[in-house]
N, C-alpha and C. Protein backbone atom coordinates (compact mmCIF):
# COMPACT_ATOMS: atom_id res chain seq x y z
N MET A 1 132.68 101.14 104.75
CA MET A 1 132.48 99.79 104.33
C MET A 1 132.40 98.94 103.02
N GLU A 2 133.05 97.87 103.04
CA GLU A 2 132.92 97.50 101.65
C GLU A 2 131.77 96.93 101.41
N LEU A 3 131.68 96.97 99.79
CA LEU A 3 130.24 96.51 99.35
C LEU A 3 129.77 95.41 99.85
N SER A 4 130.79 94.20 99.46
CA SER A 4 130.94 92.83 100.14
C SER A 4 130.16 92.77 101.27
N ILE A 5 130.99 93.41 102.19
CA ILE A 5 130.72 93.27 103.82
C ILE A 5 129.40 94.13 104.03
N LEU A 6 129.24 95.36 103.39
CA LEU A 6 127.47 95.74 103.47
C LEU A 6 126.62 94.66 103.12
N HIS A 7 127.00 93.95 101.99
CA HIS A 7 125.93 93.01 101.40
C HIS A 7 125.74 91.86 102.47
N SER A 8 126.77 91.47 103.07
CA SER A 8 126.40 90.36 104.51
C SER A 8 125.58 91.07 105.46
N LYS A 9 125.68 92.33 105.56
CA LYS A 9 124.61 93.06 106.87
C LYS A 9 122.97 92.94 106.29
N ILE A 10 122.78 92.64 105.02
CA ILE A 10 121.39 92.80 104.54
C ILE A 10 120.85 91.11 105.36
N HIS A 11 119.76 91.53 105.62
CA HIS A 11 118.84 90.08 106.02
C HIS A 11 117.63 90.18 105.69
N GLU A 12 116.85 88.90 105.59
CA GLU A 12 115.40 88.92 105.51
C GLU A 12 114.52 88.82 106.75
N LEU A 13 113.51 89.61 107.01
CA LEU A 13 112.84 89.31 108.16
C LEU A 13 111.64 89.94 107.85
N ARG A 14 110.34 89.26 108.32
CA ARG A 14 109.01 89.71 108.01
C ARG A 14 108.92 89.97 106.40
N GLY A 15 109.47 89.50 105.43
CA GLY A 15 109.44 89.81 104.09
C GLY A 15 110.06 90.60 103.70
N GLU A 16 110.80 91.44 104.46
CA GLU A 16 111.60 92.65 104.24
C GLU A 16 112.95 92.38 104.07
N LYS A 17 113.84 93.17 103.45
CA LYS A 17 115.32 93.04 103.62
C LYS A 17 115.54 94.43 104.27
N ILE A 18 116.30 94.11 105.57
CA ILE A 18 116.45 95.08 106.57
C ILE A 18 118.06 94.84 106.97
N ILE A 19 118.52 95.90 107.54
CA ILE A 19 119.70 95.82 108.36
C ILE A 19 119.80 96.56 109.85
N PHE A 20 120.26 96.15 110.26
CA PHE A 20 120.20 96.15 112.15
C PHE A 20 120.82 97.31 112.38
N ASP A 21 120.26 98.17 113.24
CA ASP A 21 120.87 99.23 114.10
C ASP A 21 122.60 99.33 114.17
N PHE A 22 122.68 98.27 115.01
CA PHE A 22 124.46 98.03 115.12
C PHE A 22 125.02 98.29 114.00
N ASP A 23 124.45 97.26 112.85
CA ASP A 23 125.36 97.41 111.69
C ASP A 23 125.18 98.71 111.17
N LEU A 24 124.17 99.73 111.16
CA LEU A 24 124.37 100.96 110.54
C LEU A 24 125.01 101.67 111.53
N ALA A 25 125.16 101.82 112.71
CA ALA A 25 125.98 102.38 113.53
C ALA A 25 127.75 102.24 113.24
N LEU A 26 127.65 101.07 112.79
CA LEU A 26 129.27 100.71 112.29
C LEU A 26 129.25 101.48 111.00
N LEU A 27 128.21 101.79 109.85
CA LEU A 27 128.60 102.08 108.73
C LEU A 27 128.46 103.51 108.98
N TYR A 28 128.14 104.24 109.96
CA TYR A 28 127.90 105.78 109.84
C TYR A 28 128.89 106.28 111.09
N ASP A 29 129.56 105.22 111.52
CA ASP A 29 130.62 105.52 112.74
C ASP A 29 129.82 106.32 113.72
N VAL A 30 128.95 105.86 114.13
CA VAL A 30 128.39 106.27 115.77
C VAL A 30 127.84 105.29 116.30
N GLU A 31 127.76 105.34 117.87
CA GLU A 31 127.39 104.31 118.48
C GLU A 31 126.22 104.08 118.37
N THR A 32 125.69 102.78 118.60
CA THR A 32 124.34 102.17 118.28
C THR A 32 123.29 103.16 119.04
N LYS A 33 123.72 103.36 120.53
CA LYS A 33 122.74 104.40 121.17
C LYS A 33 122.59 105.45 120.98
N VAL A 34 123.60 106.01 119.95
CA VAL A 34 123.47 107.60 119.56
C VAL A 34 122.50 107.58 118.34
N LEU A 35 122.90 106.58 117.24
CA LEU A 35 121.94 105.96 116.36
C LEU A 35 120.41 106.15 116.91
N ASN A 36 120.04 105.16 117.62
CA ASN A 36 118.78 105.04 118.28
C ASN A 36 118.49 106.28 119.07
N GLN A 37 119.06 107.32 119.40
CA GLN A 37 118.61 108.38 120.03
C GLN A 37 118.24 109.60 118.83
N ALA A 38 118.92 109.51 117.74
CA ALA A 38 118.59 110.23 116.88
C ALA A 38 117.20 109.68 116.22
N VAL A 39 116.69 108.59 116.05
CA VAL A 39 116.13 108.08 115.70
C VAL A 39 114.52 108.58 116.23
N LYS A 40 114.81 108.33 117.68
CA LYS A 40 113.74 108.55 118.61
C LYS A 40 113.55 110.50 118.43
N ARG A 41 114.22 110.89 118.54
CA ARG A 41 113.92 112.40 118.25
C ARG A 41 113.47 112.78 116.90
N ASN A 42 113.46 111.73 115.95
CA ASN A 42 112.89 112.30 114.36
C ASN A 42 111.63 110.96 114.45
N SER A 43 111.11 110.56 115.32
CA SER A 43 110.30 109.32 115.12
C SER A 43 109.30 109.60 114.20
N ILE A 44 108.74 110.50 114.09
CA ILE A 44 107.43 110.94 113.18
C ILE A 44 108.32 110.56 111.59
N ARG A 45 109.40 110.45 111.70
CA ARG A 45 110.06 110.11 110.32
C ARG A 45 110.47 108.77 109.82
N PHE A 46 110.08 107.89 110.73
CA PHE A 46 110.31 106.47 111.01
C PHE A 46 109.05 105.72 111.11
N PRO A 47 108.09 105.78 110.20
CA PRO A 47 106.72 104.52 110.51
C PRO A 47 107.34 103.25 110.38
N SER A 48 106.19 102.34 110.80
CA SER A 48 106.55 100.77 110.91
C SER A 48 107.03 100.06 109.81
N ASP A 49 106.83 100.86 108.51
CA ASP A 49 107.18 100.44 107.09
C ASP A 49 108.84 100.68 106.75
N PHE A 50 109.42 101.87 107.90
CA PHE A 50 110.59 102.31 107.92
C PHE A 50 111.54 101.42 108.65
N MET A 51 111.10 101.04 110.03
CA MET A 51 111.81 100.35 110.81
C MET A 51 110.93 99.53 112.13
N PHE A 52 111.38 98.51 112.54
CA PHE A 52 110.92 97.96 113.62
C PHE A 52 111.78 97.28 114.56
N GLN A 53 111.45 97.14 115.71
CA GLN A 53 112.36 96.52 116.54
C GLN A 53 111.65 94.93 116.64
N ILE A 54 112.99 94.23 116.69
CA ILE A 54 112.46 92.62 116.44
C ILE A 54 111.89 92.25 117.62
N THR A 55 111.06 91.17 117.88
CA THR A 55 110.42 90.15 118.95
C THR A 55 111.52 89.33 119.36
N LEU A 56 111.19 88.89 120.84
CA LEU A 56 112.01 88.03 121.42
C LEU A 56 111.97 86.42 120.76
N GLU A 57 110.85 86.36 120.19
CA GLU A 57 110.63 85.31 119.18
C GLU A 57 111.83 85.11 118.11
N GLU A 58 111.76 86.27 117.36
CA GLU A 58 112.69 86.41 116.09
C GLU A 58 113.75 86.31 116.45
N PHE A 59 114.25 87.28 117.62
CA PHE A 59 115.63 87.11 118.15
C PHE A 59 116.22 85.69 118.70
N GLU A 60 115.50 84.89 118.97
CA GLU A 60 115.80 83.39 119.61
C GLU A 60 115.84 82.91 118.32
N LEU A 61 114.50 83.11 117.14
CA LEU A 61 114.68 81.95 116.38
C LEU A 61 116.22 82.02 115.34
N ASN A 62 116.50 83.39 114.96
CA ASN A 62 117.10 83.92 114.16
C ASN A 62 118.79 84.41 114.62
N TRP A 63 118.71 84.69 115.72
CA TRP A 63 119.92 85.35 116.10
C TRP A 63 121.50 85.06 115.75
N SER A 64 121.47 83.72 116.18
CA SER A 64 122.72 83.15 115.21
C SER A 64 122.78 83.49 113.99
N GLN A 65 121.97 83.20 112.98
CA GLN A 65 122.15 83.87 111.69
C GLN A 65 122.62 85.34 111.62
N PHE A 66 122.02 86.15 111.97
CA PHE A 66 122.28 87.44 112.30
C PHE A 66 123.47 88.16 112.54
N VAL A 67 124.26 87.31 113.79
CA VAL A 67 125.21 88.09 114.15
C VAL A 67 126.39 86.83 114.17
N THR A 68 127.61 87.56 113.62
CA THR A 68 128.98 86.87 113.44
C THR A 68 129.57 86.26 114.81
N SER A 69 130.16 85.54 114.65
CA SER A 69 130.96 84.71 116.01
C SER A 69 131.77 86.25 116.85
N SER A 70 132.45 87.03 115.75
CA SER A 70 133.27 87.94 116.23
C SER A 70 132.30 89.12 117.15
N ARG A 71 131.12 89.35 116.76
CA ARG A 71 130.73 90.25 117.25
C ARG A 71 130.02 90.08 118.74
N LYS A 72 130.02 91.20 119.52
CA LYS A 72 129.71 90.91 121.04
C LYS A 72 127.94 90.49 120.95
N HIS A 73 127.91 89.27 121.68
CA HIS A 73 126.34 89.15 121.97
C HIS A 73 125.72 90.09 122.78
N ARG A 74 124.46 90.57 122.54
CA ARG A 74 124.04 91.70 123.20
C ARG A 74 122.98 90.82 124.34
N GLY A 75 122.50 89.90 124.22
CA GLY A 75 121.52 89.23 124.73
C GLY A 75 120.41 89.68 124.84
N LYS A 76 119.27 89.00 125.31
CA LYS A 76 118.22 89.26 125.29
C LYS A 76 117.16 90.36 125.94
N SER A 77 118.10 91.22 126.39
CA SER A 77 117.70 92.55 127.23
C SER A 77 117.63 93.50 126.11
N TYR A 78 118.68 93.25 124.88
CA TYR A 78 118.55 94.59 123.73
C TYR A 78 118.15 93.73 122.58
N LEU A 79 116.91 94.01 122.13
CA LEU A 79 116.19 93.90 120.87
C LEU A 79 116.44 94.52 120.01
N PRO A 80 117.32 94.46 119.04
CA PRO A 80 118.01 95.62 117.95
C PRO A 80 116.36 95.83 117.16
N TYR A 81 116.85 97.14 116.48
CA TYR A 81 116.03 97.77 115.50
C TYR A 81 116.22 97.16 114.07
N ALA A 82 115.02 96.80 113.23
CA ALA A 82 115.62 96.77 111.89
C ALA A 82 115.23 97.66 110.86
N PHE A 83 116.07 98.33 110.06
CA PHE A 83 115.69 99.23 109.19
C PHE A 83 115.47 98.79 107.74
N THR A 84 114.20 99.06 107.41
CA THR A 84 114.21 98.44 105.83
C THR A 84 114.73 99.77 104.76
N GLU A 85 114.84 99.32 103.38
CA GLU A 85 115.53 99.99 102.29
C GLU A 85 115.12 101.73 102.72
N GLN A 86 113.60 101.93 102.70
CA GLN A 86 113.06 103.43 103.22
C GLN A 86 113.79 103.71 104.53
N GLY A 87 113.74 103.00 105.79
CA GLY A 87 114.41 103.53 106.76
C GLY A 87 115.87 103.81 106.88
N VAL A 88 116.41 103.19 105.94
CA VAL A 88 118.30 103.62 105.90
C VAL A 88 118.08 104.57 104.98
N ALA A 89 117.45 105.04 103.87
CA ALA A 89 117.43 106.28 103.60
C ALA A 89 117.05 107.38 104.43
N MET A 90 116.19 107.31 105.19
CA MET A 90 115.36 108.24 106.37
C MET A 90 116.63 108.48 107.48
N LEU A 91 117.14 107.52 107.62
CA LEU A 91 118.25 107.37 108.73
C LEU A 91 119.52 108.06 107.92
N SER A 92 120.11 108.03 106.84
CA SER A 92 121.09 108.88 106.22
C SER A 92 120.78 110.13 106.29
N SER A 93 119.52 110.45 106.01
CA SER A 93 119.09 111.79 106.08
C SER A 93 119.16 112.39 107.30
N VAL A 94 118.71 111.86 108.23
CA VAL A 94 118.69 112.44 109.97
C VAL A 94 120.44 112.42 110.23
N LEU A 95 121.19 111.68 110.12
CA LEU A 95 122.33 111.35 110.41
C LEU A 95 123.07 112.81 109.43
N ARG A 96 123.07 112.81 108.20
CA ARG A 96 123.63 114.01 107.70
C ARG A 96 123.07 115.21 108.21
N SER A 97 122.20 115.20 108.98
CA SER A 97 121.66 116.76 109.33
C SER A 97 122.50 117.50 110.39
N GLY A 98 123.59 116.62 110.43
CA GLY A 98 124.18 117.24 111.74
C GLY A 98 124.09 117.39 113.13
N SER A 99 122.89 117.00 113.19
CA SER A 99 122.42 116.89 114.85
C SER A 99 122.79 115.75 115.66
N VAL A 100 123.19 114.97 114.92
CA VAL A 100 123.73 113.72 115.67
C VAL A 100 125.54 114.00 116.42
N LYS A 101 125.90 113.44 117.63
CA LYS A 101 126.93 113.50 118.04
C LYS A 101 127.62 112.18 118.30
N LYS A 102 128.94 111.85 117.89
CA LYS A 102 129.33 110.59 117.96
C LYS A 102 129.73 110.76 119.63
């Protein structure tokens, strides 16, 4: 992913710079579901200051700002996870461990 594209995936939410799970999945070339499963298997490594799930209110207030028109809209049944800088670093470690299958 180009650096300029990566910068466009960084958002501010709850006073934190974050990247959503679906954008990180693209970056790491895995399905979002697979990425989230890896996080769940390693949940002890992802405290709330590393990642959090956005609320329905955050979704409704901000979703159009987060998602480009070319991205599939996921609907309200899917509330994405937001990863802080520390969470992205931990995710990189988890995904590089080789335990994730595309």
